[in-house]
N, C-alpha and C. Protein backbone atom coordinates (compact mmCIF):
# COMPACT_ATOMS: atom_id res chain seq x y z
N MET A 1 45.56 117.61 96.78
CA MET A 1 46.57 117.20 95.87
C MET A 1 45.88 118.46 94.55
N SER A 2 46.47 119.12 93.86
CA SER A 2 46.43 119.89 92.43
C SER A 2 45.99 118.82 91.76
N VAL A 3 45.01 119.86 90.15
CA VAL A 3 44.45 118.89 89.10
C VAL A 3 46.05 118.59 87.91
N SER A 4 46.98 119.45 88.59
CA SER A 4 47.77 119.28 87.28
C SER A 4 49.89 118.15 88.08
N ILE A 5 49.30 117.85 89.83
CA ILE A 5 49.74 117.10 90.50
C ILE A 5 49.45 115.94 90.32
N LYS A 6 47.86 115.58 90.33
CA LYS A 6 46.98 114.10 89.11
C LYS A 6 48.01 114.47 88.56
N PHE A 7 47.90 114.81 87.41
CA PHE A 7 48.29 113.80 86.22
C PHE A 7 50.17 113.92 86.03
N LEU A 8 50.50 114.33 86.31
CA LEU A 8 51.63 114.05 87.09
C LEU A 8 53.09 112.79 86.35
N ALA A 9 52.17 112.03 87.20
CA ALA A 9 52.57 110.58 87.14
C ALA A 9 52.11 109.93 85.51
N LEU A 10 51.25 109.92 85.00
CA LEU A 10 50.33 109.88 84.25
C LEU A 10 50.86 110.14 83.25
N PHE A 11 50.65 111.19 83.00
CA PHE A 11 50.75 112.15 81.58
C PHE A 11 52.86 111.69 81.52
N VAL A 12 53.69 112.11 83.08
CA VAL A 12 54.94 111.12 82.34
C VAL A 12 55.19 110.40 81.74
N LEU A 13 55.16 109.37 83.20
CA LEU A 13 54.69 108.19 82.51
C LEU A 13 54.74 108.31 81.71
N LEU A 14 53.83 107.88 80.27
CA LEU A 14 53.30 107.52 79.35
C LEU A 14 54.20 108.65 78.49
N ILE A 15 54.63 109.70 78.56
CA ILE A 15 54.50 110.64 77.08
C ILE A 15 56.28 111.32 77.26
N ALA A 16 56.94 111.73 79.19
CA ALA A 16 58.14 112.22 79.06
C ALA A 16 58.86 110.69 78.98
N ASN A 17 58.89 109.76 79.58
CA ASN A 17 60.13 108.58 79.28
C ASN A 17 59.29 107.41 78.37
N GLY A 18 58.11 107.36 78.06
CA GLY A 18 57.55 106.62 77.71
C GLY A 18 57.29 104.70 77.73
N VAL A 19 57.04 104.44 77.31
CA VAL A 19 56.27 103.46 77.74
C VAL A 19 56.80 101.65 77.06
N GLY A 20 57.89 102.17 75.82
CA GLY A 20 58.91 100.81 75.01
C GLY A 20 57.78 100.47 74.68
N ALA A 21 58.38 98.19 74.82
CA ALA A 21 57.04 98.18 73.89
C ALA A 21 57.10 96.81 75.43
N GLN A 22 56.14 97.59 76.16
CA GLN A 22 55.19 96.47 77.61
C GLN A 22 54.36 97.14 77.21
N THR A 23 53.52 96.28 77.87
CA THR A 23 52.03 96.43 78.17
C THR A 23 51.84 97.05 79.55
N THR A 24 51.21 98.40 79.15
CA THR A 24 50.85 98.43 80.95
C THR A 24 49.12 98.84 80.96
N ALA A 25 49.03 98.84 81.60
CA ALA A 25 47.92 98.43 82.90
C ALA A 25 47.32 99.71 84.03
N ILE A 26 46.84 101.19 83.39
CA ILE A 26 46.39 102.20 84.46
C ILE A 26 45.58 102.13 84.83
N THR A 27 45.14 101.76 86.69
CA THR A 27 43.99 101.09 86.96
C THR A 27 43.74 102.30 88.07
N GLY A 28 42.32 102.23 88.49
CA GLY A 28 41.15 102.92 88.96
C GLY A 28 41.47 104.69 89.34
N ALA A 29 41.25 105.09 87.52
CA ALA A 29 41.16 105.86 87.37
C ALA A 29 39.69 106.97 87.28
N THR A 30 39.71 108.11 87.16
CA THR A 30 38.36 108.76 86.48
C THR A 30 39.13 109.27 84.92
N VAL A 31 38.53 108.50 84.60
CA VAL A 31 39.47 109.37 82.99
C VAL A 31 37.37 110.68 82.03
N HIS A 32 38.49 111.05 81.58
CA HIS A 32 37.56 112.13 81.17
C HIS A 32 37.54 111.84 79.80
N THR A 33 37.09 110.72 78.53
CA THR A 33 37.18 110.50 77.46
C THR A 33 36.57 110.94 76.77
N VAL A 34 36.15 112.37 76.84
CA VAL A 34 35.28 113.76 75.89
C VAL A 34 34.88 112.91 75.16
N GLY A 35 34.44 112.35 75.27
CA GLY A 35 33.32 111.08 73.77
C GLY A 35 32.32 110.97 74.46
N PRO A 36 31.57 109.61 73.70
CA PRO A 36 29.76 109.67 73.69
C PRO A 36 30.27 108.82 75.37
N ALA A 37 31.24 107.82 75.57
CA ALA A 37 31.65 107.50 77.04
C ALA A 37 31.47 108.20 78.26
N GLY A 38 31.84 109.63 77.59
CA GLY A 38 31.75 110.32 79.13
C GLY A 38 33.10 110.30 80.04
N THR A 39 32.60 110.11 81.36
CA THR A 39 33.23 110.18 82.38
C THR A 39 33.33 108.35 83.04
N LEU A 40 34.89 108.25 83.46
CA LEU A 40 34.84 106.70 83.47
C LEU A 40 34.94 106.95 84.78
N THR A 41 34.21 106.56 86.23
CA THR A 41 34.68 105.79 87.54
C THR A 41 36.09 104.70 87.51
N ASN A 42 36.60 104.87 88.40
CA ASN A 42 37.47 103.58 88.91
C ASN A 42 37.39 102.78 87.92
N ALA A 43 38.39 103.77 86.19
CA ALA A 43 38.78 102.88 84.77
C ALA A 43 40.09 102.23 84.46
N THR A 44 40.00 101.90 84.07
CA THR A 44 41.33 100.88 83.04
C THR A 44 42.19 101.73 82.34
N ILE A 45 42.67 101.77 81.43
CA ILE A 45 43.55 101.77 80.30
C ILE A 45 44.60 100.97 79.56
N ILE A 46 44.59 100.07 78.55
CA ILE A 46 44.71 99.58 78.44
C ILE A 46 46.37 100.31 77.46
N VAL A 47 47.37 100.03 77.57
CA VAL A 47 48.16 100.66 76.56
C VAL A 47 49.19 100.74 76.34
N ASP A 48 49.27 99.72 74.58
CA ASP A 48 50.37 99.22 74.64
C ASP A 48 51.73 98.48 74.10
N GLY A 49 52.73 99.47 74.07
CA GLY A 49 53.84 99.93 73.56
C GLY A 49 53.41 101.34 73.84
N ARG A 50 52.75 102.14 72.93
CA ARG A 50 52.61 103.38 72.92
C ARG A 50 51.67 103.90 72.63
N ARG A 51 50.44 102.98 72.14
CA ARG A 51 48.98 103.42 71.45
C ARG A 51 48.55 101.85 72.82
N ILE A 52 47.34 103.05 73.40
CA ILE A 52 46.10 102.53 73.63
C ILE A 52 45.33 102.09 73.57
N THR A 53 45.06 100.36 73.56
CA THR A 53 43.86 100.39 72.87
C THR A 53 42.99 99.74 73.73
N ALA A 54 42.78 100.31 74.98
CA ALA A 54 41.42 99.97 75.50
C ALA A 54 40.70 100.92 76.93
N VAL A 55 39.71 101.17 76.87
CA VAL A 55 39.06 102.10 78.08
C VAL A 55 38.40 101.40 78.92
N GLY A 56 37.78 101.81 79.68
CA GLY A 56 37.11 100.97 80.26
C GLY A 56 36.02 100.65 81.27
N VAL A 57 35.17 100.81 81.72
CA VAL A 57 36.31 99.77 83.49
C VAL A 57 36.07 98.33 83.80
N ASP A 58 34.81 97.57 82.26
CA ASP A 58 34.87 95.80 83.23
C ASP A 58 36.27 95.40 81.76
N ILE A 59 37.34 95.60 81.62
CA ILE A 59 38.66 95.39 81.02
C ILE A 59 39.27 94.67 81.39
N VAL A 60 39.47 93.54 80.86
CA VAL A 60 40.22 92.63 81.56
C VAL A 60 41.51 92.66 81.22
N ILE A 61 43.40 93.09 81.84
CA ILE A 61 44.08 93.50 82.71
C ILE A 61 45.34 91.82 81.47
N PRO A 62 45.82 92.26 80.92
CA PRO A 62 47.35 91.05 80.16
C PRO A 62 47.69 90.86 81.46
N ALA A 63 47.83 89.87 81.69
CA ALA A 63 48.88 88.47 82.96
C ALA A 63 50.32 89.06 82.99
N ASN A 64 50.85 90.17 81.45
CA ASN A 64 51.91 90.11 81.38
C ASN A 64 51.91 91.81 81.45
N ALA A 65 51.13 92.71 81.78
CA ALA A 65 51.11 93.86 82.21
C ALA A 65 51.32 94.51 83.23
N ASN A 66 51.98 95.70 82.70
CA ASN A 66 53.32 96.34 84.09
C ASN A 66 51.57 97.17 85.18
N ARG A 67 51.13 97.04 86.15
CA ARG A 67 50.13 97.87 86.65
C ARG A 67 50.82 99.43 86.88
N VAL A 68 49.85 100.80 87.00
CA VAL A 68 49.97 101.29 87.46
C VAL A 68 48.65 102.31 87.82
N ASP A 69 49.02 102.21 89.50
CA ASP A 69 47.44 102.64 90.41
C ASP A 69 47.75 103.94 90.12
N ALA A 70 46.51 103.99 89.44
CA ALA A 70 45.85 105.72 89.53
C ALA A 70 45.10 106.08 89.88
N THR A 71 44.72 105.48 91.53
CA THR A 71 43.27 105.73 91.98
C THR A 71 43.75 107.14 92.54
N GLY A 72 42.23 108.27 92.79
CA GLY A 72 42.23 109.39 92.65
C GLY A 72 43.16 110.65 91.74
N LYS A 73 43.18 109.78 90.99
CA LYS A 73 43.85 110.44 90.16
C LYS A 73 42.96 110.50 88.86
N ILE A 74 43.46 111.81 87.55
CA ILE A 74 42.66 112.29 86.79
C ILE A 74 43.55 111.55 85.54
N VAL A 75 42.59 111.69 83.69
CA VAL A 75 43.09 111.19 82.91
C VAL A 75 42.17 112.33 82.65
N THR A 76 42.81 112.64 81.27
CA THR A 76 41.76 113.03 79.85
C THR A 76 43.33 112.95 78.43
N PRO A 77 41.99 112.54 77.26
CA PRO A 77 42.98 112.57 76.54
C PRO A 77 44.07 114.21 76.62
N GLY A 78 45.23 114.11 75.67
CA GLY A 78 45.87 115.00 75.70
C GLY A 78 45.29 116.32 75.06
N LEU A 79 45.77 117.80 76.10
CA LEU A 79 45.46 118.97 76.05
C LEU A 79 46.63 119.47 74.41
N PHE A 80 44.97 120.21 73.89
CA PHE A 80 46.27 120.40 73.59
C PHE A 80 45.93 122.61 73.47
N SER A 81 48.07 123.05 73.71
CA SER A 81 48.06 124.81 73.68
C SER A 81 47.58 125.09 72.15
N PRO A 82 46.75 124.98 71.87
CA PRO A 82 46.41 126.27 70.34
C PRO A 82 47.58 128.24 70.41
N LEU A 83 47.85 128.43 70.81
CA LEU A 83 48.12 129.61 70.75
C LEU A 83 49.26 130.01 71.62
N GLY A 84 50.75 129.60 71.34
CA GLY A 84 51.41 130.28 72.36
C GLY A 84 53.51 130.28 71.67
N GLN A 85 53.74 130.47 72.16
CA GLN A 85 55.59 130.99 71.75
C GLN A 85 56.72 129.82 72.53
N LEU A 86 55.98 128.74 73.16
CA LEU A 86 56.08 127.48 73.53
C LEU A 86 57.87 126.79 73.76
N GLY A 87 58.69 127.01 73.61
CA GLY A 87 60.23 126.57 72.96
C GLY A 87 60.73 127.45 72.22
N LEU A 88 59.95 128.26 71.77
CA LEU A 88 60.34 129.94 71.23
C LEU A 88 60.33 130.80 72.57
N SER A 89 60.09 130.27 73.72
CA SER A 89 60.57 132.31 74.28
C SER A 89 60.47 130.72 75.74
N GLU A 90 61.72 131.99 76.17
CA GLU A 90 62.67 131.17 77.72
C GLU A 90 61.70 132.34 79.14
N VAL A 91 62.56 133.14 78.45
CA VAL A 91 62.59 134.54 79.70
C VAL A 91 62.35 135.63 79.13
N SER A 92 60.42 135.46 79.28
CA SER A 92 60.34 137.26 78.65
C SER A 92 61.02 138.15 78.53
N ALA A 93 61.72 138.18 79.66
CA ALA A 93 62.21 139.62 80.43
C ALA A 93 63.70 139.74 79.59
N VAL A 94 64.79 138.11 78.94
CA VAL A 94 65.41 138.13 77.88
C VAL A 94 65.66 138.14 76.79
N ALA A 95 66.12 139.12 75.68
CA ALA A 95 65.84 139.61 74.75
C ALA A 95 66.43 137.83 74.42
N GLY A 96 68.12 136.97 74.43
CA GLY A 96 68.04 136.20 74.34
C GLY A 96 67.67 135.18 73.85
N THR A 97 66.70 135.20 74.66
CA THR A 97 65.93 133.44 74.58
C THR A 97 64.40 132.98 74.28
N ASN A 98 64.48 134.57 73.30
CA ASN A 98 63.00 134.70 72.11
C ASN A 98 62.74 134.55 71.49
N ASP A 99 62.91 134.26 70.27
CA ASP A 99 62.64 133.80 68.80
C ASP A 99 61.25 134.15 68.51
N ALA A 100 60.39 134.79 68.57
CA ALA A 100 58.97 134.95 68.54
C ALA A 100 58.90 135.69 67.37
N THR A 101 59.68 136.53 67.56
CA THR A 101 59.11 138.65 67.01
C THR A 101 60.98 139.00 65.95
N GLN A 102 59.96 139.16 64.74
CA GLN A 102 61.22 139.44 63.89
C GLN A 102 59.90 141.03 63.14
N ARG A 103 61.57 141.99 63.42
CA ARG A 103 61.27 143.21 62.82
C ARG A 103 61.99 143.58 61.34
N GLY A 104 60.22 144.63 60.73
CA GLY A 104 61.50 144.95 59.20
C GLY A 104 59.49 144.09 58.38
N ALA A 105 59.95 144.41 57.07
CA ALA A 105 59.93 144.18 56.05
C ALA A 105 60.09 142.82 54.76
N ALA A 106 61.44 142.92 55.95
CA ALA A 106 62.77 141.44 54.15
C ALA A 106 61.21 140.62 54.84
N PHE A 107 61.24 139.66 56.11
CA PHE A 107 60.31 138.74 56.19
C PHE A 107 58.61 139.20 56.92
N THR A 108 57.31 138.78 56.14
CA THR A 108 56.56 138.54 56.55
C THR A 108 56.11 137.37 57.01
N ALA A 109 54.80 137.07 55.84
CA ALA A 109 54.06 135.90 56.89
C ALA A 109 55.08 134.78 56.65
N SER A 110 56.38 135.20 56.25
CA SER A 110 57.42 133.40 55.02
C SER A 110 58.50 133.59 56.08
N PHE A 111 58.17 134.13 57.30
CA PHE A 111 58.66 133.64 59.00
C PHE A 111 58.54 132.14 59.42
N ASP A 112 60.12 131.76 59.05
CA ASP A 112 58.74 130.44 59.86
C ASP A 112 59.41 130.34 60.99
N VAL A 113 59.09 130.31 62.50
CA VAL A 113 59.08 130.83 63.71
C VAL A 113 60.06 128.52 64.10
N ALA A 114 59.09 127.93 62.88
CA ALA A 114 59.54 126.14 63.96
C ALA A 114 61.15 126.38 63.40
N GLU A 115 62.38 127.19 62.57
CA GLU A 115 63.43 127.25 62.45
C GLU A 115 63.85 127.26 63.86
N ALA A 116 63.15 128.09 64.63
CA ALA A 116 64.35 128.60 65.97
C ALA A 116 63.53 127.65 67.40
N PHE A 117 62.87 126.76 66.77
CA PHE A 117 62.05 125.65 67.98
C PHE A 117 62.61 124.75 68.90
N ASN A 118 62.73 124.99 69.71
CA ASN A 118 64.20 123.98 70.67
C ASN A 118 62.79 123.51 71.29
N PRO A 119 63.38 122.41 71.44
CA PRO A 119 62.78 120.76 72.02
C PRO A 119 63.57 120.38 73.49
N ARG A 120 64.71 121.23 74.05
CA ARG A 120 64.80 121.72 75.05
C ARG A 120 64.81 122.36 75.70
N SER A 121 63.63 123.32 75.86
CA SER A 121 63.59 123.77 76.50
C SER A 121 62.49 123.46 78.01
N ILE A 122 63.32 123.99 78.94
CA ILE A 122 62.37 123.77 79.99
C ILE A 122 60.93 123.34 80.51
N LEU A 123 60.11 125.05 79.90
CA LEU A 123 59.31 124.61 80.01
C LEU A 123 57.99 123.75 78.68
N ILE A 124 58.80 123.17 78.13
CA ILE A 124 58.67 121.75 77.08
C ILE A 124 57.70 120.87 78.29
N ALA A 125 58.71 119.96 79.24
CA ALA A 125 58.99 119.71 80.82
C ALA A 125 57.40 119.67 81.56
N ILE A 126 57.02 121.57 81.98
CA ILE A 126 56.43 121.84 82.82
C ILE A 126 55.55 121.66 81.99
N SER A 127 54.80 121.66 80.42
CA SER A 127 53.37 122.04 80.05
C SER A 127 53.74 120.48 80.62
N ARG A 128 54.18 119.60 79.52
CA ARG A 128 53.94 118.12 79.74
C ARG A 128 52.90 118.10 81.59
N ILE A 129 53.98 118.12 82.53
CA ILE A 129 53.29 117.03 83.56
C ILE A 129 51.70 117.97 84.30
N ASP A 130 51.30 119.38 83.17
CA ASP A 130 50.33 118.89 82.89
C ASP A 130 49.56 119.22 81.97
N GLY A 131 49.39 118.46 81.46
CA GLY A 131 49.46 117.94 80.70
C GLY A 131 48.57 117.87 79.31
N VAL A 132 49.71 119.22 79.36
CA VAL A 132 49.86 119.58 77.27
C VAL A 132 51.04 118.48 76.43
N THR A 133 50.41 117.57 75.68
CA THR A 133 50.79 116.67 74.31
C THR A 133 50.65 117.51 73.30
N ARG A 134 49.81 118.58 72.56
CA ARG A 134 50.48 119.47 71.29
C ARG A 134 50.66 121.13 71.74
N ALA A 135 51.55 121.27 70.54
CA ALA A 135 51.04 123.53 71.00
C ALA A 135 51.18 123.60 69.48
N GLY A 136 51.04 124.33 69.70
CA GLY A 136 50.90 125.34 68.19
C GLY A 136 51.39 126.13 68.69
N ILE A 137 52.81 126.42 67.90
CA ILE A 137 53.54 127.64 68.32
C ILE A 137 53.50 128.66 66.66
N THR A 138 54.09 130.54 67.20
CA THR A 138 53.23 131.01 67.29
C THR A 138 54.23 132.13 66.84
N PRO A 139 54.18 132.91 65.99
CA PRO A 139 55.26 134.68 65.76
C PRO A 139 54.14 135.30 66.93
N ARG A 140 54.94 136.28 67.05
CA ARG A 140 53.89 137.91 68.10
C ARG A 140 53.98 138.64 67.10
N ALA A 141 53.55 139.53 66.99
CA ALA A 141 54.11 141.34 67.02
C ALA A 141 55.36 141.74 67.74
N GLY A 142 56.00 142.93 67.59
CA GLY A 142 56.97 143.43 69.09
C GLY A 142 56.74 144.66 68.93
N ALA A 143 58.00 145.67 69.91
CA ALA A 143 57.24 146.58 69.42
C ALA A 143 58.59 147.42 68.92
N PRO A 144 58.70 148.18 68.38
CA PRO A 144 59.75 149.30 67.64
C PRO A 144 60.20 149.21 68.42
N ASP A 145 61.27 148.23 67.81
CA ASP A 145 63.06 149.08 68.48
C ASP A 145 63.55 150.05 68.33
N GLY A 146 65.80 150.32 68.43
CA GLY A 146 65.90 151.51 68.75
C GLY A 146 65.67 152.82 67.61
N GLU A 147 65.94 152.06 65.98
CA GLU A 147 65.82 152.03 64.77
C GLU A 147 64.39 152.66 64.20
N GLY A 148 63.26 152.37 64.83
CA GLY A 148 62.59 152.90 64.57
C GLY A 148 61.11 151.50 63.63
N ASN A 149 61.82 149.64 64.02
CA ASN A 149 61.46 149.68 62.74
C ASN A 149 60.32 148.58 63.78
N VAL A 150 59.25 148.09 63.01
CA VAL A 150 57.97 147.32 63.76
C VAL A 150 57.74 146.50 62.39
N SER A 151 57.24 145.99 63.87
CA SER A 151 57.38 143.88 63.32
C SER A 151 55.58 144.44 62.68
N HIS A 152 55.25 142.92 61.44
CA HIS A 152 54.23 143.15 59.86
C HIS A 152 52.63 142.74 60.45
N VAL A 153 52.04 143.64 60.02
CA VAL A 153 50.59 142.82 60.59
C VAL A 153 50.09 141.88 60.12
N LEU A 154 51.34 140.85 58.42
CA LEU A 154 51.73 139.54 59.01
C LEU A 154 52.68 139.55 59.93
N SER A 155 52.35 137.91 60.60
CA SER A 155 53.87 138.42 62.00
C SER A 155 54.11 137.27 61.14
N GLY A 156 53.56 136.15 60.84
CA GLY A 156 54.46 135.10 60.00
C GLY A 156 53.52 133.49 59.94
N LEU A 157 54.50 132.35 59.93
CA LEU A 157 54.03 131.04 60.16
C LEU A 157 53.96 130.21 61.65
N GLY A 158 52.78 130.33 62.38
CA GLY A 158 53.12 129.38 62.69
C GLY A 158 53.39 126.82 62.61
N SER A 159 53.82 127.09 63.36
CA SER A 159 53.62 125.10 63.95
C SER A 159 52.69 124.51 64.44
N VAL A 160 52.22 123.23 64.79
CA VAL A 160 51.96 122.49 65.61
C VAL A 160 52.96 121.92 65.89
N VAL A 161 53.82 121.26 67.29
CA VAL A 161 54.33 120.07 67.46
C VAL A 161 54.05 119.12 68.41
N HIS A 162 54.37 118.13 68.90
CA HIS A 162 53.48 117.58 69.93
C HIS A 162 55.28 117.81 70.78
N LEU A 163 55.01 116.62 72.57
CA LEU A 163 55.63 117.36 73.00
C LEU A 163 56.25 115.76 74.20
N GLY A 164 55.60 114.89 72.99
CA GLY A 164 56.41 113.45 73.14
C GLY A 164 58.09 113.28 72.93
N ASP A 165 59.03 112.45 73.10
CA ASP A 165 60.71 112.31 72.78
C ASP A 165 61.08 112.17 71.54
N SER A 166 59.65 111.50 70.52
CA SER A 166 60.72 111.64 69.89
C SER A 166 60.93 112.62 69.02
N PRO A 167 61.98 111.97 68.23
CA PRO A 167 63.50 113.18 67.39
C PRO A 167 62.21 114.11 66.55
N GLU A 168 61.40 113.43 65.80
CA GLU A 168 60.10 114.65 65.22
C GLU A 168 59.64 115.44 65.70
N HIS A 169 59.14 116.54 66.25
CA HIS A 169 58.29 117.37 67.38
C HIS A 169 57.47 117.60 66.09
N PHE A 170 57.31 117.44 64.95
CA PHE A 170 56.47 118.31 63.79
C PHE A 170 55.60 117.84 63.58
N VAL A 171 54.45 118.01 63.88
CA VAL A 171 53.03 117.67 63.47
C VAL A 171 52.80 118.23 62.86
N LYS A 172 52.54 119.19 62.28
CA LYS A 172 52.33 120.07 61.41
C LYS A 172 52.99 121.58 61.13
N ARG A 173 53.93 121.69 60.42
CA ARG A 173 54.76 122.74 59.98
C ARG A 173 53.64 123.70 59.20
N GLY A 174 54.54 125.05 59.95
CA GLY A 174 53.59 126.50 58.45
C GLY A 174 51.64 125.94 58.56
N ALA A 175 51.18 125.49 59.46
CA ALA A 175 50.13 125.20 59.78
C ALA A 175 49.49 126.41 59.94
N VAL A 176 49.70 127.82 60.52
CA VAL A 176 48.59 128.93 60.23
C VAL A 176 49.62 129.81 59.14
N VAL A 177 49.18 131.03 58.98
CA VAL A 177 49.32 131.84 59.14
C VAL A 177 49.27 132.99 60.27
N VAL A 178 49.78 133.98 60.78
CA VAL A 178 49.84 135.21 61.85
C VAL A 178 49.37 136.04 61.20
N ALA A 179 47.83 136.95 61.82
CA ALA A 179 47.84 138.19 61.42
C ALA A 179 46.93 138.49 62.58
N ASN A 180 48.15 139.99 62.95
CA ASN A 180 47.98 141.17 64.54
C ASN A 180 46.15 142.21 63.77
N PHE A 181 45.42 142.53 64.12
CA PHE A 181 44.60 142.98 64.15
C PHE A 181 43.53 143.87 65.71
N GLY A 182 43.39 144.07 65.52
CA GLY A 182 43.43 144.83 67.47
C GLY A 182 43.89 145.64 68.03
N GLU A 183 43.96 146.07 68.89
CA GLU A 183 45.69 146.71 69.09
C GLU A 183 46.55 146.21 69.03
N THR A 184 47.26 145.81 68.78
CA THR A 184 48.01 145.21 68.90
C THR A 184 48.37 145.58 66.73
N GLY A 185 47.43 145.53 66.16
CA GLY A 185 47.00 144.89 64.74
C GLY A 185 47.53 146.78 64.64
N SER A 186 46.63 147.69 65.56
CA SER A 186 47.17 149.49 64.46
C SER A 186 48.00 149.60 65.24
N GLY A 187 48.55 148.79 65.99
CA GLY A 187 50.06 149.75 66.80
C GLY A 187 51.49 149.17 65.32
N VAL A 188 51.27 148.83 65.04
CA VAL A 188 52.13 148.75 63.95
C VAL A 188 51.34 149.03 62.12
N ALA A 189 50.50 149.25 61.95
CA ALA A 189 49.43 149.52 60.79
C ALA A 189 49.45 151.98 60.96
N GLY A 190 50.12 151.81 61.34
CA GLY A 190 50.52 153.23 61.78
C GLY A 190 48.82 153.48 62.77
N GLY A 191 48.43 153.14 63.37
CA GLY A 191 47.56 153.07 64.61
C GLY A 191 46.21 153.68 63.90
N SER A 192 45.95 153.10 63.86
CA SER A 192 44.85 152.19 62.15
C SER A 192 44.10 150.40 62.76
N ARG A 193 43.15 150.56 63.24
CA ARG A 193 42.54 149.12 62.56
C ARG A 193 41.97 149.16 60.90
N ALA A 194 41.93 150.34 60.60
CA ALA A 194 41.48 150.08 59.26
C ALA A 194 43.28 149.59 58.01
N GLY A 195 44.03 150.35 59.18
CA GLY A 195 44.95 150.08 58.16
C GLY A 195 45.23 148.61 57.71
N ALA A 196 45.02 148.61 59.63
CA ALA A 196 45.62 146.42 59.06
C ALA A 196 45.13 145.74 58.41
N ILE A 197 44.09 146.13 57.96
CA ILE A 197 42.19 145.45 57.64
C ILE A 197 43.07 145.62 55.82
N GLN A 198 43.65 146.96 55.33
CA GLN A 198 44.08 147.25 54.47
C GLN A 198 45.33 146.60 53.34
N ILE A 199 46.11 146.98 54.83
CA ILE A 199 47.47 145.77 54.29
C ILE A 199 47.25 144.29 53.89
N LEU A 200 46.40 143.70 54.95
CA LEU A 200 46.29 142.27 54.75
C LEU A 200 45.45 142.16 53.45
N ARG A 201 44.55 142.89 52.86
CA ARG A 201 43.83 142.52 51.72
C ARG A 201 44.88 143.45 50.42
N ALA A 202 46.43 143.77 51.15
CA ALA A 202 47.25 144.40 49.87
C ALA A 202 47.83 142.92 49.72
N ALA A 203 47.94 142.36 50.99
CA ALA A 203 48.66 141.46 51.05
C ALA A 203 48.95 140.40 50.15
N LEU A 204 47.30 139.89 50.06
CA LEU A 204 46.63 139.11 49.74
C LEU A 204 46.18 139.27 48.68
N ASP A 205 46.71 140.12 47.75
CA ASP A 205 46.33 140.73 46.56
C ASP A 205 47.30 140.17 45.96
N ASP A 206 48.62 140.86 46.44
CA ASP A 206 50.08 140.40 45.63
C ASP A 206 50.61 138.63 45.85
N ALA A 207 49.88 138.21 47.39
CA ALA A 207 49.91 136.72 46.58
C ALA A 207 48.76 135.90 45.61
N ARG A 208 47.64 137.31 45.23
CA ARG A 208 46.86 135.74 44.51
C ARG A 208 47.75 136.73 43.09
N ASP A 209 48.22 138.53 42.79
CA ASP A 209 48.63 138.47 41.48
C ASP A 209 50.15 137.45 41.19
N TYR A 210 50.68 137.12 42.82
CA TYR A 210 51.65 136.59 41.92
C TYR A 210 51.53 134.44 41.85
N ALA A 211 50.68 134.07 41.88
CA ALA A 211 49.94 132.68 41.90
C ALA A 211 49.29 132.92 40.53
N ARG A 212 49.00 134.89 39.81
CA ARG A 212 48.84 133.70 38.87
C ARG A 212 49.57 134.34 37.52
N ASN A 213 51.11 135.07 38.11
CA ASN A 213 51.62 135.79 36.89
C ASN A 213 53.66 134.87 37.31
N LYS A 214 52.96 134.06 37.79
CA LYS A 214 54.14 133.15 39.08
C LYS A 214 55.80 133.22 37.91
N ALA A 215 55.21 132.85 36.60
CA ALA A 215 56.53 132.53 35.15
C ALA A 215 56.79 133.74 35.24
N ALA A 216 56.44 135.66 35.01
CA ALA A 216 56.29 136.56 34.64
C ALA A 216 57.43 137.46 35.65
N VAL A 217 57.08 136.92 37.31
CA VAL A 217 57.63 137.43 38.47
C VAL A 217 58.76 137.01 38.52
N GLU A 218 59.66 135.83 37.54
CA GLU A 218 60.69 134.71 38.57
C GLU A 218 61.32 136.11 37.15
N ARG A 219 61.63 135.84 35.73
CA ARG A 219 61.49 136.57 34.43
C ARG A 219 61.71 137.45 34.77
N GLY A 220 61.11 138.38 36.15
CA GLY A 220 61.71 139.72 35.99
C GLY A 220 61.00 141.18 35.05
């Protein structure tokens, strides 16, 4: 049985469906704490409502707890996917399902992909099965369109989302600004990586100038 399938029973139970207000005891699991306690074998996890209250080997299980046998399964803290287009791109080859890219200079650093995030994306449910509980969603540079419009070195704003069933999915909107360098950056900066660096420096200089002279800029 693969690790992904081992995650299934635990993460779908705790995240996708929720556990309401009841107390749940997950028993017999191999728990990777990613902390000083290290890896625990045949461990027990106590979940009170939606909060983990105890993790260990010799834990008293409350009498009213709903027990989940996790023998042979692996439990870790929720995994974080830091860079991707989860909820922004469904099928990469179908343009109508992709909202992570924009071209032209109308919006650069202000392009906020959070506006297009789709919490009902089927890929979110698949990611939960693999143990991902939070993800960074980021814009990306696109190839020139038929009219020659290209993406900017600054692709826009990225956010952090959680993959649970809460109606508010954003952990932090506008968490990062994405800049393109390397081959991608040179492709949107006239063919040179040095050009991409210069464009970024000019953009930062413009931002500093605006911050120093905001009132004058707004007066025109």
